[in-house]
Amino acid sequence: MRLVERLRLFLGGKPPAIQTAALPWRRRPDGTVEVLLATSRDTGRWVLPKGWPHKGKTLGESASQEAYEEVGVHGRVADREVGHYNYLKWLDTGLNRRVRVSVFPLEVRQECDVWPEQGQREIHWTTCEEAAERVDEPELAAILRKFPDKMT
């Protein structure tokens, strides 16, 4: 845990909320790893499919569910996170909440023709380097840049 976070908790601050994200990936015939990004519904920023943990499911299972709902893919989700990143989530009240997002690789085995949030987001398969350039969160960009090395 970073020093700033420890100090915040020591002084009585709230711990960050927890979300889970899928990192949908596939391998091109030439061996290049591609990842699937989506735009957020509210801001149009490029993001991974993510959301709040689902009751009765592990974080990885919840991430897999988010991948189906948001980008229409199914696959094999990893048991362990590949990393995590932090961001500020703006609430309807105008306040923000710190959120820690655990990222779980999901090897895509099926792309659906129809899914719950189809048409609400743009989706795009891209290289990890290009994905890192598209996302706003520096910690997520670092995860994306290192990801191909973890798959070899």
Protein backbone atom coordinates (compact mmCIF):
# COMPACT_ATOMS: atom_id res chain seq x y z
CA MET A 1 0.00 0.00 0.00
CA ARG A 2 1.35 3.41 -0.87
CA LEU A 3 2.38 5.74 1.93
CA VAL A 4 -0.27 8.34 1.06
CA GLU A 5 -3.02 5.72 1.29
CA ARG A 6 -1.72 4.45 4.64
CA LEU A 7 -1.64 8.00 5.98
CA ARG A 8 -5.18 8.67 4.71
CA LEU A 9 -6.49 5.56 6.50
CA PHE A 10 -4.51 6.37 9.67
CA LEU A 11 -6.16 9.80 9.78
CA GLY A 12 -9.62 8.24 9.53
CA GLY A 13 -10.23 8.43 5.80
CA LYS A 14 -12.42 5.91 4.03
CA PRO A 15 -10.71 3.09 2.17
CA PRO A 16 -11.26 3.13 -1.58
CA ALA A 17 -14.29 1.38 -3.03
CA ILE A 18 -13.51 -1.81 -4.96
CA GLN A 19 -14.38 -2.45 -8.58
CA THR A 20 -13.31 -5.23 -10.89
CA ALA A 21 -12.33 -5.05 -14.56
CA ALA A 22 -11.83 -7.58 -17.31
CA LEU A 23 -8.87 -7.30 -19.66
CA PRO A 24 -10.29 -9.14 -22.70
CA TRP A 25 -7.44 -10.38 -24.88
CA ARG A 26 -6.68 -12.59 -27.87
CA ARG A 27 -3.63 -13.51 -29.90
CA ARG A 28 -3.32 -12.63 -33.58
CA PRO A 29 -1.97 -15.29 -35.97
CA ASP A 30 1.40 -13.46 -35.92
CA GLY A 31 1.53 -13.83 -32.11
CA THR A 32 0.69 -10.22 -31.26
CA VAL A 33 -1.55 -9.82 -28.21
CA GLU A 34 -4.62 -7.64 -28.76
CA VAL A 35 -6.97 -6.26 -26.10
CA LEU A 36 -10.56 -5.10 -26.35
CA LEU A 37 -11.41 -1.59 -25.14
CA ALA A 38 -14.80 0.08 -24.90
CA THR A 39 -15.94 3.64 -24.50
CA SER A 40 -17.66 4.58 -21.26
CA ARG A 41 -21.34 5.41 -21.61
CA ASP A 42 -21.10 8.78 -19.86
CA THR A 43 -17.81 10.36 -20.97
CA GLY A 44 -16.83 8.39 -24.07
CA ARG A 45 -13.36 7.71 -22.62
CA TRP A 46 -11.64 4.43 -23.55
CA VAL A 47 -11.87 1.96 -20.67
CA LEU A 48 -11.86 -1.72 -19.81
CA PRO A 49 -15.21 -3.35 -19.04
CA LYS A 50 -15.57 -2.84 -15.29
CA GLY A 51 -18.08 -2.60 -12.51
CA TRP A 52 -18.95 -3.36 -8.92
CA PRO A 53 -18.45 -6.91 -7.58
CA HIS A 54 -21.49 -9.17 -7.99
CA LYS A 55 -22.89 -10.83 -4.89
CA GLY A 56 -21.94 -14.50 -4.73
CA LYS A 57 -19.20 -14.16 -7.37
CA THR A 58 -15.44 -13.77 -7.07
CA LEU A 59 -13.84 -10.60 -8.41
CA GLY A 60 -12.69 -12.54 -11.48
CA GLU A 61 -16.16 -13.93 -12.11
CA SER A 62 -17.61 -10.44 -11.70
CA ALA A 63 -15.09 -9.10 -14.23
CA SER A 64 -16.10 -11.83 -16.66
CA GLN A 65 -19.77 -10.86 -16.24
CA GLU A 66 -18.92 -7.20 -16.94
CA ALA A 67 -17.07 -8.23 -20.12
CA TYR A 68 -20.17 -10.03 -21.39
CA GLU A 69 -22.56 -7.18 -20.48
CA GLU A 70 -20.41 -4.31 -21.80
CA VAL A 71 -18.51 -5.71 -24.80
CA GLY A 72 -20.19 -9.05 -25.57
CA VAL A 73 -17.36 -11.51 -25.01
CA HIS A 74 -17.01 -14.79 -23.11
CA GLY A 75 -13.80 -16.56 -22.24
CA ARG A 76 -11.49 -17.93 -19.60
CA VAL A 77 -10.85 -15.46 -16.78
CA ALA A 78 -7.63 -15.67 -14.77
CA ASP A 79 -7.78 -16.64 -11.10
CA ARG A 80 -5.52 -13.76 -10.09
CA GLU A 81 -5.47 -10.10 -11.00
CA VAL A 82 -2.75 -8.90 -13.34
CA GLY A 83 -2.65 -5.59 -11.47
CA HIS A 84 -4.83 -2.78 -10.20
CA TYR A 85 -5.27 0.91 -10.78
CA ASN A 86 -6.98 3.77 -8.98
CA TYR A 87 -9.31 6.48 -10.22
CA LEU A 88 -11.83 9.01 -8.95
CA LYS A 89 -15.44 8.15 -9.73
CA TRP A 90 -17.70 11.18 -9.94
CA LEU A 91 -21.00 10.58 -8.18
CA ASP A 92 -24.42 12.05 -9.01
CA THR A 93 -24.03 14.27 -5.93
CA GLY A 94 -21.11 16.08 -7.54
CA LEU A 95 -18.66 14.49 -5.10
CA ASN A 96 -16.09 11.90 -6.05
CA ARG A 97 -15.09 8.57 -4.55
CA ARG A 98 -11.70 6.91 -4.74
CA VAL A 99 -11.94 3.51 -6.43
CA ARG A 100 -9.40 0.69 -6.66
CA VAL A 101 -9.95 -1.50 -9.74
CA SER A 102 -8.61 -5.07 -9.80
CA VAL A 103 -7.83 -6.13 -13.39
CA PHE A 104 -8.36 -9.76 -14.45
CA PRO A 105 -7.17 -11.06 -17.84
CA LEU A 106 -9.94 -12.75 -19.83
CA GLU A 107 -8.84 -14.89 -22.77
CA VAL A 108 -11.65 -14.33 -25.28
CA ARG A 109 -13.07 -17.53 -26.72
CA GLN A 110 -16.40 -16.24 -28.03
CA GLU A 111 -17.65 -12.91 -29.38
CA CYS A 112 -21.44 -12.60 -29.08
CA ASP A 113 -23.73 -11.32 -31.81
CA VAL A 114 -26.03 -9.76 -29.18
CA TRP A 115 -25.24 -8.55 -25.62
CA PRO A 116 -26.92 -6.35 -22.98
CA GLU A 117 -25.12 -3.03 -23.66
CA GLN A 118 -24.72 -3.48 -27.40
CA GLY A 119 -24.96 -0.14 -29.19
CA GLN A 120 -24.32 1.86 -26.02
CA ARG A 121 -20.54 1.80 -26.39
CA GLU A 122 -17.96 1.75 -29.14
CA ILE A 123 -15.64 -1.26 -28.91
CA HIS A 124 -12.22 -1.69 -30.49
CA TRP A 125 -9.61 -4.46 -30.65
CA THR A 126 -6.11 -2.97 -30.51
CA THR A 127 -2.54 -3.66 -29.52
CA CYS A 128 -1.58 -3.23 -25.89
CA GLU A 129 0.61 -0.24 -26.73
CA GLU A 130 -2.18 1.55 -28.59
CA ALA A 131 -4.61 0.71 -25.76
CA ALA A 132 -2.17 2.22 -23.26
CA GLU A 133 -2.15 5.42 -25.32
CA ARG A 134 -5.97 5.57 -25.43
CA VAL A 135 -6.76 5.17 -21.71
CA ASP A 136 -6.60 8.11 -19.30
CA GLU A 137 -5.37 6.32 -16.15
CA PRO A 138 -1.53 6.10 -16.00
CA GLU A 139 -1.61 3.01 -13.77
CA LEU A 140 -3.89 1.22 -16.25
CA ALA A 141 -1.63 2.26 -19.13
CA ALA A 142 1.32 0.66 -17.29
CA ILE A 143 -0.65 -2.59 -16.84
CA LEU A 144 -1.49 -2.63 -20.56
CA ARG A 145 2.12 -2.00 -21.62
CA LYS A 146 3.41 -4.88 -19.45
CA PHE A 147 0.62 -7.29 -20.34
CA PRO A 148 2.12 -8.92 -23.49
CA ASP A 149 5.23 -9.92 -21.49
CA LYS A 150 3.00 -11.73 -18.97
CA MET A 151 1.42 -13.77 -21.77
CA THR A 152 4.68 -15.23 -23.09
